[in-house]
PDB file of N, CA and C in Angstrom:
ATOM      1  N   MET A   1     114.705  89.789  96.394  1.00  0.00           N
ATOM      2  CA  MET A   1     115.067  91.133  96.778  1.00  0.00           C
ATOM      3  C   MET A   1     115.442  91.937  95.545  1.00  0.00           C
ATOM      4  N   VAL A   2     115.310  93.215  95.641  1.00  0.00           N
ATOM      5  CA  VAL A   2     115.560  94.117  94.530  1.00  0.00           C
ATOM      6  C   VAL A   2     117.046  94.459  94.475  1.00  0.00           C
ATOM      7  N   LYS A   3     117.596  94.541  93.264  1.00  0.00           N
ATOM      8  CA  LYS A   3     119.025  94.791  93.101  1.00  0.00           C
ATOM      9  C   LYS A   3     119.400  96.250  93.312  1.00  0.00           C
ATOM     10  N   PHE A   4     118.528  97.160  92.948  1.00  0.00           N
ATOM     11  CA  PHE A   4     118.842  98.585  93.003  1.00  0.00           C
ATOM     12  C   PHE A   4     118.006  99.275  94.077  1.00  0.00           C
ATOM     13  N   PRO A   5     118.603 100.184  94.841  1.00  0.00           N
ATOM     14  CA  PRO A   5     117.821 100.892  95.864  1.00  0.00           C
ATOM     15  C   PRO A   5     116.728 101.766  95.265  1.00  0.00           C
ATOM     16  N   GLU A   6     116.948 102.273  94.048  1.00  0.00           N
ATOM     17  CA  GLU A   6     115.913 103.091  93.397  1.00  0.00           C
ATOM     18  C   GLU A   6     114.671 102.257  93.099  1.00  0.00           C
ATOM     19  N   ALA A   7     114.879 101.011  92.697  1.00  0.00           N
ATOM     20  CA  ALA A   7     113.744 100.128  92.415  1.00  0.00           C
ATOM     21  C   ALA A   7     113.010  99.775  93.710  1.00  0.00           C
ATOM     22  N   ASP A   8     113.755  99.587  94.789  1.00  0.00           N
ATOM     23  CA  ASP A   8     113.138  99.287  96.079  1.00  0.00           C
ATOM     24  C   ASP A   8     112.231 100.433  96.521  1.00  0.00           C
ATOM     25  N   VAL A   9     112.694 101.656  96.332  1.00  0.00           N
ATOM     26  CA  VAL A   9     111.886 102.835  96.686  1.00  0.00           C
ATOM     27  C   VAL A   9     110.634 102.896  95.828  1.00  0.00           C
ATOM     28  N   ARG A  10     110.787 102.665  94.540  1.00  0.00           N
ATOM     29  CA  ARG A  10     109.642 102.762  93.625  1.00  0.00           C
ATOM     30  C   ARG A  10     108.595 101.690  93.903  1.00  0.00           C
ATOM     31  N   LEU A  11     109.034 100.491  94.247  1.00  0.00           N
ATOM     32  CA  LEU A  11     108.094  99.382  94.402  1.00  0.00           C
ATOM     33  C   LEU A  11     107.451  99.281  95.781  1.00  0.00           C
ATOM     34  N   PHE A  12     108.167  99.734  96.840  1.00  0.00           N
ATOM     35  CA  PHE A  12     107.670  99.451  98.181  1.00  0.00           C
ATOM     36  C   PHE A  12     107.452 100.657  99.081  1.00  0.00           C
ATOM     37  N   ARG A  13     108.072 101.800  98.813  1.00  0.00           N
ATOM     38  CA  ARG A  13     107.956 102.919  99.750  1.00  0.00           C
ATOM     39  C   ARG A  13     106.567 103.552  99.668  1.00  0.00           C
ATOM     40  N   ASN A  14     105.936 103.724 100.804  1.00  0.00           N
ATOM     41  CA  ASN A  14     104.617 104.354 100.941  1.00  0.00           C
ATOM     42  C   ASN A  14     103.510 103.599 100.213  1.00  0.00           C
ATOM     43  N   LYS A  15     103.664 102.308  99.969  1.00  0.00           N
ATOM     44  CA  LYS A  15     102.614 101.524  99.328  1.00  0.00           C
ATOM     45  C   LYS A  15     101.957 100.617 100.365  1.00  0.00           C
ATOM     46  N   PHE A  16     100.639 100.621 100.352  1.00  0.00           N
ATOM     47  CA  PHE A  16      99.865  99.825 101.299  1.00  0.00           C
ATOM     48  C   PHE A  16      98.793  99.053 100.547  1.00  0.00           C
ATOM     49  N   VAL A  17      98.404  97.912 101.108  1.00  0.00           N
ATOM     50  CA  VAL A  17      97.414  97.031 100.496  1.00  0.00           C
ATOM     51  C   VAL A  17      96.189  96.980 101.399  1.00  0.00           C
ATOM     52  N   CYS A  18      95.026  97.165 100.813  1.00  0.00           N
ATOM     53  CA  CYS A  18      93.771  97.094 101.567  1.00  0.00           C
ATOM     54  C   CYS A  18      93.547  95.662 102.024  1.00  0.00           C
ATOM     55  N   ARG A  19      93.186  95.486 103.288  1.00  0.00           N
ATOM     56  CA  ARG A  19      92.975  94.145 103.827  1.00  0.00           C
ATOM     57  C   ARG A  19      91.658  93.540 103.351  1.00  0.00           C
ATOM     58  N   ARG A  20      90.739  94.347 102.897  1.00  0.00           N
ATOM     59  CA  ARG A  20      89.436  93.829 102.473  1.00  0.00           C
ATOM     60  C   ARG A  20      89.423  93.450 100.991  1.00  0.00           C
ATOM     61  N   CYS A  21      89.884  94.349 100.111  1.00  0.00           N
ATOM     62  CA  CYS A  21      89.757  94.088  98.676  1.00  0.00           C
ATOM     63  C   CYS A  21      91.100  93.927  97.967  1.00  0.00           C
ATOM     64  N   LYS A  22      92.217  94.030  98.693  1.00  0.00           N
ATOM     65  CA  LYS A  22      93.568  93.803  98.171  1.00  0.00           C
ATOM     66  C   LYS A  22      94.012  94.815  97.117  1.00  0.00           C
ATOM     67  N   SER A  23      93.441  95.996  97.086  1.00  0.00           N
ATOM     68  CA  SER A  23      93.904  97.020  96.155  1.00  0.00           C
ATOM     69  C   SER A  23      95.096  97.753  96.761  1.00  0.00           C
ATOM     70  N   VAL A  24      95.987  98.266  95.905  1.00  0.00           N
ATOM     71  CA  VAL A  24      97.213  98.921  96.342  1.00  0.00           C
ATOM     72  C   VAL A  24      97.018 100.429  96.320  1.00  0.00           C
ATOM     73  N   LEU A  25      97.500 101.083  97.363  1.00  0.00           N
ATOM     74  CA  LEU A  25      97.332 102.524  97.531  1.00  0.00           C
ATOM     75  C   LEU A  25      98.659 103.119  97.977  1.00  0.00           C
ATOM     76  N   ARG A  26      99.015 104.278  97.463  1.00  0.00           N
ATOM     77  CA  ARG A  26     100.240 104.954  97.893  1.00  0.00           C
ATOM     78  C   ARG A  26      99.860 106.138  98.768  1.00  0.00           C
ATOM     79  N   SER A  27     100.414 106.144  99.981  1.00  0.00           N
ATOM     80  CA  SER A  27     100.087 107.187 100.944  1.00  0.00           C
ATOM     81  C   SER A  27     101.168 107.244 102.016  1.00  0.00           C
ATOM     82  N   PRO A  28     101.341 108.379 102.680  1.00  0.00           N
ATOM     83  CA  PRO A  28     102.308 108.445 103.779  1.00  0.00           C
ATOM     84  C   PRO A  28     101.896 107.524 104.933  1.00  0.00           C
ATOM     85  N   PRO A  29     102.851 106.848 105.564  1.00  0.00           N
ATOM     86  CA  PRO A  29     102.514 105.908 106.640  1.00  0.00           C
ATOM     87  C   PRO A  29     101.801 106.559 107.831  1.00  0.00           C
ATOM     88  N   ARG A  30     102.095 107.810 108.106  1.00  0.00           N
ATOM     89  CA  ARG A  30     101.454 108.495 109.236  1.00  0.00           C
ATOM     90  C   ARG A  30      99.952 108.610 109.030  1.00  0.00           C
ATOM     91  N   LYS A  31      99.536 108.934 107.813  1.00  0.00           N
ATOM     92  CA  LYS A  31      98.103 109.062 107.523  1.00  0.00           C
ATOM     93  C   LYS A  31      97.400 107.710 107.618  1.00  0.00           C
ATOM     94  N   VAL A  32      98.081 106.648 107.211  1.00  0.00           N
ATOM     95  CA  VAL A  32      97.476 105.318 107.256  1.00  0.00           C
ATOM     96  C   VAL A  32      97.258 104.891 108.705  1.00  0.00           C
ATOM     97  N   THR A  33      98.254 105.116 109.568  1.00  0.00           N
ATOM     98  CA  THR A  33      98.109 104.704 110.967  1.00  0.00           C
ATOM     99  C   THR A  33      97.072 105.535 111.709  1.00  0.00           C
ATOM    100  N   GLU A  34      96.890 106.784 111.308  1.00  0.00           N
ATOM    101  CA  GLU A  34      95.885 107.633 111.955  1.00  0.00           C
ATOM    102  C   GLU A  34      94.483 107.394 111.416  1.00  0.00           C
ATOM    103  N   GLY A  35      94.346 106.636 110.331  1.00  0.00           N
ATOM    104  CA  GLY A  35      93.033 106.324 109.785  1.00  0.00           C
ATOM    105  C   GLY A  35      92.460 107.408 108.893  1.00  0.00           C
ATOM    106  N   GLN A  36      93.300 108.281 108.363  1.00  0.00           N
ATOM    107  CA  GLN A  36      92.821 109.361 107.510  1.00  0.00           C
ATOM    108  C   GLN A  36      92.669 108.930 106.058  1.00  0.00           C
ATOM    109  N   VAL A  37      93.161 107.744 105.718  1.00  0.00           N
ATOM    110  CA  VAL A  37      93.133 107.260 104.336  1.00  0.00           C
ATOM    111  C   VAL A  37      92.103 106.157 104.231  1.00  0.00           C
ATOM    112  N   LYS A  38      91.311 106.178 103.148  1.00  0.00           N
ATOM    113  CA  LYS A  38      90.392 105.070 102.919  1.00  0.00           C
ATOM    114  C   LYS A  38      90.560 104.541 101.503  1.00  0.00           C
ATOM    115  N   CYS A  39      90.180 103.298 101.313  1.00  0.00           N
ATOM    116  CA  CYS A  39      90.343 102.609 100.040  1.00  0.00           C
ATOM    117  C   CYS A  39      89.428 103.232  98.985  1.00  0.00           C
ATOM    118  N   ARG A  40      89.927 103.303  97.766  1.00  0.00           N
ATOM    119  CA  ARG A  40      89.134 103.874  96.676  1.00  0.00           C
ATOM    120  C   ARG A  40      87.977 102.975  96.270  1.00  0.00           C
ATOM    121  N   LEU A  41      88.170 101.662  96.386  1.00  0.00           N
ATOM    122  CA  LEU A  41      87.157 100.725  95.912  1.00  0.00           C
ATOM    123  C   LEU A  41      86.110 100.367  96.958  1.00  0.00           C
ATOM    124  N   CYS A  42      86.583 100.021  98.174  1.00  0.00           N
ATOM    125  CA  CYS A  42      85.630  99.498  99.162  1.00  0.00           C
ATOM    126  C   CYS A  42      85.436 100.427 100.361  1.00  0.00           C
ATOM    127  N   ALA A  43      86.149 101.541 100.409  1.00  0.00           N
ATOM    128  CA  ALA A  43      86.070 102.533 101.494  1.00  0.00           C
ATOM    129  C   ALA A  43      86.516 101.959 102.840  1.00  0.00           C
ATOM    130  N   GLY A  44      87.343 100.894 102.805  1.00  0.00           N
ATOM    131  CA  GLY A  44      87.890 100.342 104.039  1.00  0.00           C
ATOM    132  C   GLY A  44      89.035 101.194 104.558  1.00  0.00           C
ATOM    133  N   LYS A  45      89.326 101.077 105.850  1.00  0.00           N
ATOM    134  CA  LYS A  45      90.394 101.873 106.458  1.00  0.00           C
ATOM    135  C   LYS A  45      91.504 101.016 107.052  1.00  0.00           C
ATOM    136  N   LYS A  46      91.488  99.720 106.794  1.00  0.00           N
ATOM    137  CA  LYS A  46      92.528  98.839 107.315  1.00  0.00           C
ATOM    138  C   LYS A  46      93.489  98.484 106.190  1.00  0.00           C
ATOM    139  N   PHE A  47      94.768  98.786 106.419  1.00  0.00           N
ATOM    140  CA  PHE A  47      95.792  98.561 105.417  1.00  0.00           C
ATOM    141  C   PHE A  47      96.973  97.829 106.031  1.00  0.00           C
ATOM    142  N   LYS A  48      97.745  97.167 105.188  1.00  0.00           N
ATOM    143  CA  LYS A  48      99.009  96.556 105.576  1.00  0.00           C
ATOM    144  C   LYS A  48     100.077  97.003 104.576  1.00  0.00           C
ATOM    145  N   PRO A  49     101.344  97.016 104.974  1.00  0.00           N
ATOM    146  CA  PRO A  49     102.391  97.387 104.021  1.00  0.00           C
ATOM    147  C   PRO A  49     102.517  96.346 102.920  1.00  0.00           C
ATOM    148  N   LYS A  50     102.959  96.774 101.738  1.00  0.00           N
ATOM    149  CA  LYS A  50     103.150  95.845 100.641  1.00  0.00           C
ATOM    150  C   LYS A  50     104.265  94.886 100.996  1.00  0.00           C
ATOM    151  N   ARG A  51     104.054  93.613 100.713  1.00  0.00           N
ATOM    152  CA  ARG A  51     104.990  92.565 101.110  1.00  0.00           C
ATOM    153  C   ARG A  51     106.192  92.508 100.184  1.00  0.00           C
ATOM    154  N   LYS A  52     107.376  92.405 100.772  1.00  0.00           N
ATOM    155  CA  LYS A  52     108.606  92.194  99.995  1.00  0.00           C
ATOM    156  C   LYS A  52     108.861  90.711  99.936  1.00  0.00           C
ATOM    157  N   LYS A  53     108.934  90.176  98.742  1.00  0.00           N
ATOM    158  CA  LYS A  53     109.132  88.726  98.580  1.00  0.00           C
ATOM    159  C   LYS A  53     110.590  88.378  98.614  1.00  0.00           C
TER     160      LYS A  53
END
């Protein structure tokens, strides 16, 4: 877990990972759930939130 809340925001807020090619994208969660965002590399539209270890 991250020690500082500022670091938590920088590393995890609004970051999503493409399920097909595993590239990281920053976007508002509303746009991701509505399918308005696509991956830069593979043009996929399925994303998951970045995992907190």
